[in-house]
């Protein structure tokens, strides 16, 4: 019986690829040649999209994350059955939209959804209050 963990006698034959040799100092790469994966770039190197190198600001047009007030607007809009939260959803949504326009952050859809939910809850709760007052005043007379 052979040992399943023993090394094979001959290494498998496959296509041999020469190892990557970086260009010597002061030489530029030829046209059409690419840097190997994981190699550090030179002066013209750019960070992956949406990231910047430490100590440098984010590049122009890069997303700056999701606006926190847009998230708060959506959450308070969902919790609109609590009496104060629809008003908070509306205030947070309008402030978030103005910040998003100024800072180019993400979250515009969240802010709009929070606004819509906030206005719907205000309309619903307002109509419940009007109906309650109408029926309570008509029943006492």
C-alpha atoms as a PDB file:
ATOM      1  CA  UNK A   1       0.000   0.000   0.000  1.00  0.00           C
ATOM      2  CA  UNK A   2       1.367   3.431  -0.919  1.00  0.00           C
ATOM      3  CA  UNK A   3       1.462   6.401   1.390  1.00  0.00           C
ATOM      4  CA  UNK A   4      -1.171   8.968   0.241  1.00  0.00           C
ATOM      5  CA  UNK A   5       0.854  11.791   1.787  1.00  0.00           C
ATOM      6  CA  UNK A   6       4.147  10.963   0.101  1.00  0.00           C
ATOM      7  CA  UNK A   7       5.580  13.413  -2.424  1.00  0.00           C
ATOM      8  CA  UNK A   8       5.445  12.363  -6.063  1.00  0.00           C
ATOM      9  CA  UNK A   9       8.698  11.304  -7.666  1.00  0.00           C
ATOM     10  CA  UNK A  10       8.357  13.631 -10.678  1.00  0.00           C
ATOM     11  CA  UNK A  11       6.849  17.086 -10.620  1.00  0.00           C
ATOM     12  CA  UNK A  12       3.956  17.461 -13.061  1.00  0.00           C
ATOM     13  CA  UNK A  13       4.952  18.963 -16.397  1.00  0.00           C
ATOM     14  CA  UNK A  14       3.033  22.063 -17.451  1.00  0.00           C
ATOM     15  CA  UNK A  15       3.635  25.284 -19.296  1.00  0.00           C
ATOM     16  CA  UNK A  16       6.449  27.180 -17.681  1.00  0.00           C
ATOM     17  CA  UNK A  17       5.950  30.886 -17.136  1.00  0.00           C
ATOM     18  CA  UNK A  18       8.985  33.042 -16.543  1.00  0.00           C
ATOM     19  CA  UNK A  19       8.823  35.005 -13.276  1.00  0.00           C
ATOM     20  CA  UNK A  20       7.904  38.695 -13.458  1.00  0.00           C
ATOM     21  CA  UNK A  21      10.917  40.958 -13.667  1.00  0.00           C
ATOM     22  CA  UNK A  22      10.201  44.607 -12.825  1.00  0.00           C
ATOM     23  CA  UNK A  23      11.908  47.161 -15.055  1.00  0.00           C
ATOM     24  CA  UNK A  24      15.234  48.481 -13.849  1.00  0.00           C
ATOM     25  CA  UNK A  25      15.380  51.882 -12.155  1.00  0.00           C
ATOM     26  CA  UNK A  26      14.901  54.722 -14.622  1.00  0.00           C
ATOM     27  CA  UNK A  27      13.435  52.553 -17.391  1.00  0.00           C
ATOM     28  CA  UNK A  28       9.847  52.837 -18.471  1.00  0.00           C
ATOM     29  CA  UNK A  29       7.685  49.932 -19.419  1.00  0.00           C
ATOM     30  CA  UNK A  30       7.081  49.427 -23.092  1.00  0.00           C
ATOM     31  CA  UNK A  31       3.795  50.149 -24.834  1.00  0.00           C
ATOM     32  CA  UNK A  32       1.131  47.576 -24.091  1.00  0.00           C
ATOM     33  CA  UNK A  33       2.874  46.115 -21.076  1.00  0.00           C
ATOM     34  CA  UNK A  34       1.048  46.169 -17.771  1.00  0.00           C
ATOM     35  CA  UNK A  35       2.297  46.137 -14.237  1.00  0.00           C
ATOM     36  CA  UNK A  36       1.863  42.832 -12.454  1.00  0.00           C
ATOM     37  CA  UNK A  37      -0.954  42.451  -9.981  1.00  0.00           C
ATOM     38  CA  UNK A  38      -0.160  43.718  -6.526  1.00  0.00           C
ATOM     39  CA  UNK A  39       2.742  45.847  -7.704  1.00  0.00           C
ATOM     40  CA  UNK A  40       3.010  49.322  -6.202  1.00  0.00           C
ATOM     41  CA  UNK A  41       2.409  52.090  -8.706  1.00  0.00           C
ATOM     42  CA  UNK A  42       4.590  55.074  -9.409  1.00  0.00           C
ATOM     43  CA  UNK A  43       3.710  58.744  -9.441  1.00  0.00           C
ATOM     44  CA  UNK A  44       0.685  58.261 -11.687  1.00  0.00           C
ATOM     45  CA  UNK A  45      -0.841  55.515  -9.544  1.00  0.00           C
ATOM     46  CA  UNK A  46      -4.439  55.969  -8.506  1.00  0.00           C
ATOM     47  CA  UNK A  47      -6.277  54.449  -5.593  1.00  0.00           C
ATOM     48  CA  UNK A  48      -9.209  52.098  -6.215  1.00  0.00           C
ATOM     49  CA  UNK A  49     -12.474  53.913  -6.965  1.00  0.00           C
ATOM     50  CA  UNK A  50     -13.989  55.470  -3.845  1.00  0.00           C
ATOM     51  CA  UNK A  51     -10.783  55.255  -1.797  1.00  0.00           C
ATOM     52  CA  UNK A  52      -7.871  57.576  -1.325  1.00  0.00           C
ATOM     53  CA  UNK A  53      -4.351  57.134  -0.075  1.00  0.00           C
ATOM     54  CA  UNK A  54      -3.690  58.123   3.549  1.00  0.00           C
ATOM     55  CA  UNK A  55      -3.012  61.821   3.954  1.00  0.00           C
ATOM     56  CA  UNK A  56      -4.729  62.817   0.703  1.00  0.00           C
ATOM     57  CA  UNK A  57      -8.320  63.963   0.137  1.00  0.00           C
ATOM     58  CA  UNK A  58     -10.757  61.853  -1.816  1.00  0.00           C
ATOM     59  CA  UNK A  59     -10.564  62.378  -5.564  1.00  0.00           C
ATOM     60  CA  UNK A  60     -13.113  64.646  -7.220  1.00  0.00           C
ATOM     61  CA  UNK A  61     -16.350  62.832  -7.964  1.00  0.00           C
ATOM     62  CA  UNK A  62     -15.734  59.965  -5.547  1.00  0.00           C
ATOM     63  CA  UNK A  63     -18.696  59.016  -3.365  1.00  0.00           C
ATOM     64  CA  UNK A  64     -18.422  60.311   0.197  1.00  0.00           C
ATOM     65  CA  UNK A  65     -20.624  57.676   1.874  1.00  0.00           C
ATOM     66  CA  UNK A  66     -24.272  57.721   2.852  1.00  0.00           C
ATOM     67  CA  UNK A  67     -25.680  60.759   4.612  1.00  0.00           C
ATOM     68  CA  UNK A  68     -26.575  59.980   8.225  1.00  0.00           C
ATOM     69  CA  UNK A  69     -29.628  62.239   8.261  1.00  0.00           C
ATOM     70  CA  UNK A  70     -31.010  60.397   5.227  1.00  0.00           C
ATOM     71  CA  UNK A  71     -30.815  57.151   7.191  1.00  0.00           C
ATOM     72  CA  UNK A  72     -32.400  58.859  10.211  1.00  0.00           C
ATOM     73  CA  UNK A  73     -35.197  60.199   7.988  1.00  0.00           C
ATOM     74  CA  UNK A  74     -35.999  56.732   6.689  1.00  0.00           C
ATOM     75  CA  UNK A  75     -35.908  55.130  10.150  1.00  0.00           C
ATOM     76  CA  UNK A  76     -38.129  57.798  11.714  1.00  0.00           C
ATOM     77  CA  UNK A  77     -40.441  57.571   8.713  1.00  0.00           C
ATOM     78  CA  UNK A  78     -40.810  53.835   9.246  1.00  0.00           C
ATOM     79  CA  UNK A  79     -41.508  54.437  12.944  1.00  0.00           C
ATOM     80  CA  UNK A  80     -44.182  56.992  12.042  1.00  0.00           C
ATOM     81  CA  UNK A  81     -46.858  55.419  14.233  1.00  0.00           C
ATOM     82  CA  UNK A  82     -45.078  57.098  17.154  1.00  0.00           C
ATOM     83  CA  UNK A  83     -46.482  60.614  17.324  1.00  0.00           C
ATOM     84  CA  UNK A  84     -43.322  62.738  16.991  1.00  0.00           C
ATOM     85  CA  UNK A  85     -41.343  60.652  14.502  1.00  0.00           C
ATOM     86  CA  UNK A  86     -43.195  61.712  11.311  1.00  0.00           C
ATOM     87  CA  UNK A  87     -42.223  65.324  11.987  1.00  0.00           C
ATOM     88  CA  UNK A  88     -38.632  64.267  12.608  1.00  0.00           C
ATOM     89  CA  UNK A  89     -38.648  62.266   9.352  1.00  0.00           C
ATOM     90  CA  UNK A  90     -39.737  65.361   7.433  1.00  0.00           C
ATOM     91  CA  UNK A  91     -37.151  67.634   9.073  1.00  0.00           C
ATOM     92  CA  UNK A  92     -34.325  65.104   8.714  1.00  0.00           C
ATOM     93  CA  UNK A  93     -35.294  64.398   5.098  1.00  0.00           C
ATOM     94  CA  UNK A  94     -35.206  68.037   4.016  1.00  0.00           C
ATOM     95  CA  UNK A  95     -31.908  68.697   5.791  1.00  0.00           C
ATOM     96  CA  UNK A  96     -30.422  65.506   4.307  1.00  0.00           C
ATOM     97  CA  UNK A  97     -31.443  66.484   0.768  1.00  0.00           C
ATOM     98  CA  UNK A  98     -29.769  69.872   1.096  1.00  0.00           C
ATOM     99  CA  UNK A  99     -26.593  68.287   2.521  1.00  0.00           C
ATOM    100  CA  UNK A 100     -26.554  65.631  -0.210  1.00  0.00           C
ATOM    101  CA  UNK A 101     -26.822  68.286  -2.895  1.00  0.00           C
ATOM    102  CA  UNK A 102     -23.972  70.287  -1.330  1.00  0.00           C
ATOM    103  CA  UNK A 103     -21.575  67.449  -0.398  1.00  0.00           C
ATOM    104  CA  UNK A 104     -22.467  64.923  -3.141  1.00  0.00           C
ATOM    105  CA  UNK A 105     -22.976  62.149  -0.581  1.00  0.00           C
ATOM    106  CA  UNK A 106     -25.159  59.143  -1.195  1.00  0.00           C
ATOM    107  CA  UNK A 107     -28.564  58.524   0.337  1.00  0.00           C
ATOM    108  CA  UNK A 108     -30.838  60.699  -1.774  1.00  0.00           C
ATOM    109  CA  UNK A 109     -33.325  57.847  -2.205  1.00  0.00           C
ATOM    110  CA  UNK A 110     -33.323  57.162   1.536  1.00  0.00           C
ATOM    111  CA  UNK A 111     -34.083  60.816   2.271  1.00  0.00           C
ATOM    112  CA  UNK A 112     -36.908  60.905  -0.289  1.00  0.00           C
ATOM    113  CA  UNK A 113     -38.395  57.681   1.091  1.00  0.00           C
ATOM    114  CA  UNK A 114     -38.224  59.123   4.618  1.00  0.00           C
ATOM    115  CA  UNK A 115     -39.942  62.302   3.425  1.00  0.00           C
ATOM    116  CA  UNK A 116     -42.720  60.385   1.696  1.00  0.00           C
ATOM    117  CA  UNK A 117     -43.304  58.185   4.741  1.00  0.00           C
ATOM    118  CA  UNK A 118     -43.227  61.209   7.041  1.00  0.00           C
ATOM    119  CA  UNK A 119     -45.798  63.134   4.986  1.00  0.00           C
ATOM    120  CA  UNK A 120     -48.029  60.046   4.693  1.00  0.00           C
ATOM    121  CA  UNK A 121     -47.939  59.516   8.471  1.00  0.00           C
ATOM    122  CA  UNK A 122     -48.714  63.207   9.107  1.00  0.00           C
ATOM    123  CA  UNK A 123     -51.696  62.998   6.752  1.00  0.00           C
ATOM    124  CA  UNK A 124     -52.910  59.747   8.326  1.00  0.00           C
ATOM    125  CA  UNK A 125     -52.480  60.859  11.930  1.00  0.00           C
ATOM    126  CA  UNK A 126     -53.969  64.264  11.140  1.00  0.00           C
ATOM    127  CA  UNK A 127     -57.065  62.667   9.644  1.00  0.00           C
ATOM    128  CA  UNK A 128     -57.375  60.337  12.665  1.00  0.00           C
ATOM    129  CA  UNK A 129     -57.274  63.349  14.983  1.00  0.00           C
ATOM    130  CA  UNK A 130     -59.845  65.249  12.880  1.00  0.00           C
ATOM    131  CA  UNK A 131     -62.164  62.224  12.836  1.00  0.00           C
ATOM    132  CA  UNK A 132     -61.754  61.692  16.567  1.00  0.00           C
ATOM    133  CA  UNK A 133     -62.574  65.326  17.318  1.00  0.00           C
ATOM    134  CA  UNK A 134     -65.511  65.312  14.893  1.00  0.00           C
ATOM    135  CA  UNK A 135     -67.107  62.161  16.331  1.00  0.00           C
ATOM    136  CA  UNK A 136     -66.482  63.093  19.934  1.00  0.00           C
ATOM    137  CA  UNK A 137     -68.045  66.549  19.548  1.00  0.00           C
ATOM    138  CA  UNK A 138     -71.067  65.250  17.596  1.00  0.00           C
ATOM    139  CA  UNK A 139     -71.755  62.494  20.136  1.00  0.00           C
ATOM    140  CA  UNK A 140     -71.928  64.894  23.119  1.00  0.00           C
ATOM    141  CA  UNK A 141     -74.617  67.173  21.645  1.00  0.00           C
END
